[in-house]
Amino acid sequence: MVIKTKRFYVNGKSCKVKLKKEGADYLVVVDGNVYAKTPNELFAVQAFNEI
């Protein structure tokens, strides 16, 4: 389940970041690659906002 999504441009290239919940883990996914995986929602939201 996708909780949040944001898009921005870096050097003219589109970048897509998603905050997802899968089972008991929260994932921060950048362009299809897992950036952070944690069971703690607060840490996942901080990592999402950091990007």
N, C-alpha and C. Protein backbone atom coordinates (compact mmCIF):
# COMPACT_ATOMS: atom_id res chain seq x y z
N MET A 1 0.84 -1.16 0.00
CA MET A 1 0.00 0.00 0.00
C MET A 1 0.90 1.24 0.00
N VAL A 2 0.67 2.14 -0.94
CA VAL A 2 1.44 3.37 -1.05
C VAL A 2 0.83 4.41 -0.12
N ILE A 3 1.66 4.98 0.75
CA ILE A 3 1.20 5.98 1.70
C ILE A 3 1.38 7.39 1.14
N LYS A 4 2.58 7.67 0.62
CA LYS A 4 2.89 8.99 0.05
C LYS A 4 3.71 8.81 -1.22
N THR A 5 3.57 9.78 -2.12
CA THR A 5 4.36 9.80 -3.34
C THR A 5 4.76 11.24 -3.63
N LYS A 6 5.98 11.41 -4.13
CA LYS A 6 6.38 12.74 -4.59
C LYS A 6 7.29 12.60 -5.79
N ARG A 7 7.26 13.62 -6.64
CA ARG A 7 8.04 13.65 -7.86
C ARG A 7 8.81 14.95 -7.93
N PHE A 8 10.03 14.88 -8.41
CA PHE A 8 10.80 16.09 -8.63
C PHE A 8 11.81 15.82 -9.73
N TYR A 9 12.45 16.87 -10.21
CA TYR A 9 13.41 16.76 -11.30
C TYR A 9 14.82 17.04 -10.80
N VAL A 10 15.75 16.17 -11.22
CA VAL A 10 17.16 16.33 -10.89
C VAL A 10 17.92 16.30 -12.21
N ASN A 11 18.61 17.38 -12.52
CA ASN A 11 19.38 17.50 -13.77
C ASN A 11 18.52 17.20 -14.99
N GLY A 12 17.27 17.65 -14.98
CA GLY A 12 16.37 17.45 -16.11
C GLY A 12 15.75 16.07 -16.20
N LYS A 13 15.99 15.23 -15.20
CA LYS A 13 15.45 13.86 -15.21
C LYS A 13 14.44 13.71 -14.07
N SER A 14 13.32 13.08 -14.37
CA SER A 14 12.26 12.90 -13.38
C SER A 14 12.65 11.84 -12.36
N CYS A 15 12.36 12.10 -11.09
CA CYS A 15 12.65 11.18 -10.00
C CYS A 15 11.35 10.94 -9.24
N LYS A 16 11.03 9.69 -8.92
CA LYS A 16 9.79 9.36 -8.22
C LYS A 16 10.14 8.66 -6.92
N VAL A 17 9.60 9.17 -5.80
CA VAL A 17 9.86 8.63 -4.47
C VAL A 17 8.53 8.19 -3.87
N LYS A 18 8.49 6.97 -3.32
CA LYS A 18 7.27 6.44 -2.70
C LYS A 18 7.56 5.96 -1.29
N LEU A 19 6.59 6.16 -0.42
CA LEU A 19 6.60 5.60 0.93
C LEU A 19 5.53 4.52 0.94
N LYS A 20 5.94 3.26 1.15
CA LYS A 20 5.03 2.12 1.06
C LYS A 20 5.03 1.31 2.35
N LYS A 21 3.92 0.65 2.60
CA LYS A 21 3.83 -0.30 3.71
C LYS A 21 3.59 -1.68 3.11
N GLU A 22 4.49 -2.61 3.43
CA GLU A 22 4.38 -3.99 2.97
C GLU A 22 4.49 -4.90 4.18
N GLY A 23 3.37 -5.47 4.57
CA GLY A 23 3.36 -6.34 5.75
C GLY A 23 3.65 -5.51 6.99
N ALA A 24 4.72 -5.87 7.70
CA ALA A 24 5.09 -5.15 8.92
C ALA A 24 6.18 -4.11 8.67
N ASP A 25 6.66 -4.00 7.42
CA ASP A 25 7.76 -3.09 7.10
C ASP A 25 7.29 -1.88 6.30
N TYR A 26 8.02 -0.79 6.48
CA TYR A 26 7.82 0.42 5.69
C TYR A 26 9.00 0.55 4.75
N LEU A 27 8.73 0.87 3.49
CA LEU A 27 9.77 1.00 2.48
C LEU A 27 9.77 2.39 1.89
N VAL A 28 10.96 2.93 1.68
CA VAL A 28 11.13 4.16 0.91
C VAL A 28 11.77 3.74 -0.40
N VAL A 29 11.05 3.94 -1.49
CA VAL A 29 11.48 3.48 -2.81
C VAL A 29 11.76 4.68 -3.70
N VAL A 30 12.97 4.72 -4.28
CA VAL A 30 13.38 5.79 -5.18
C VAL A 30 13.60 5.18 -6.56
N ASP A 31 12.78 5.58 -7.53
CA ASP A 31 12.85 5.08 -8.90
C ASP A 31 12.88 3.55 -8.97
N GLY A 32 12.10 2.88 -8.14
CA GLY A 32 11.99 1.43 -8.17
C GLY A 32 13.01 0.70 -7.31
N ASN A 33 13.98 1.41 -6.76
CA ASN A 33 15.00 0.80 -5.89
C ASN A 33 14.72 1.13 -4.43
N VAL A 34 14.87 0.14 -3.55
CA VAL A 34 14.61 0.35 -2.13
C VAL A 34 15.73 1.18 -1.53
N TYR A 35 15.37 2.33 -0.96
CA TYR A 35 16.34 3.22 -0.32
C TYR A 35 16.44 2.90 1.17
N ALA A 36 15.29 2.64 1.82
CA ALA A 36 15.27 2.32 3.25
C ALA A 36 14.14 1.34 3.52
N LYS A 37 14.41 0.39 4.42
CA LYS A 37 13.42 -0.60 4.83
C LYS A 37 13.48 -0.70 6.35
N THR A 38 12.35 -0.45 7.01
CA THR A 38 12.34 -0.45 8.47
C THR A 38 10.95 -0.80 8.99
N PRO A 39 10.87 -1.40 10.17
CA PRO A 39 9.56 -1.65 10.78
C PRO A 39 9.01 -0.41 11.50
N ASN A 40 9.82 0.63 11.62
CA ASN A 40 9.45 1.85 12.34
C ASN A 40 8.89 2.89 11.37
N GLU A 41 7.63 3.28 11.54
CA GLU A 41 7.00 4.24 10.64
C GLU A 41 7.66 5.62 10.72
N LEU A 42 8.03 6.04 11.90
CA LEU A 42 8.64 7.36 12.08
C LEU A 42 9.95 7.47 11.31
N PHE A 43 10.80 6.46 11.38
CA PHE A 43 12.07 6.48 10.65
C PHE A 43 11.81 6.50 9.15
N ALA A 44 10.83 5.75 8.68
CA ALA A 44 10.52 5.70 7.25
C ALA A 44 10.04 7.07 6.76
N VAL A 45 9.21 7.75 7.53
CA VAL A 45 8.73 9.08 7.15
C VAL A 45 9.88 10.08 7.15
N GLN A 46 10.79 9.97 8.10
CA GLN A 46 11.96 10.87 8.12
C GLN A 46 12.83 10.65 6.90
N ALA A 47 13.05 9.39 6.51
CA ALA A 47 13.86 9.09 5.33
C ALA A 47 13.17 9.61 4.07
N PHE A 48 11.85 9.47 4.00
CA PHE A 48 11.08 9.97 2.85
C PHE A 48 11.20 11.49 2.75
N ASN A 49 11.06 12.19 3.87
CA ASN A 49 11.14 13.65 3.86
C ASN A 49 12.55 14.16 3.60
N GLU A 50 13.55 13.37 3.94
CA GLU A 50 14.95 13.73 3.74
C GLU A 50 15.30 13.85 2.26
N ILE A 51 14.66 13.05 1.45
CA ILE A 51 14.98 13.02 0.01
C ILE A 51 14.38 14.24 -0.67
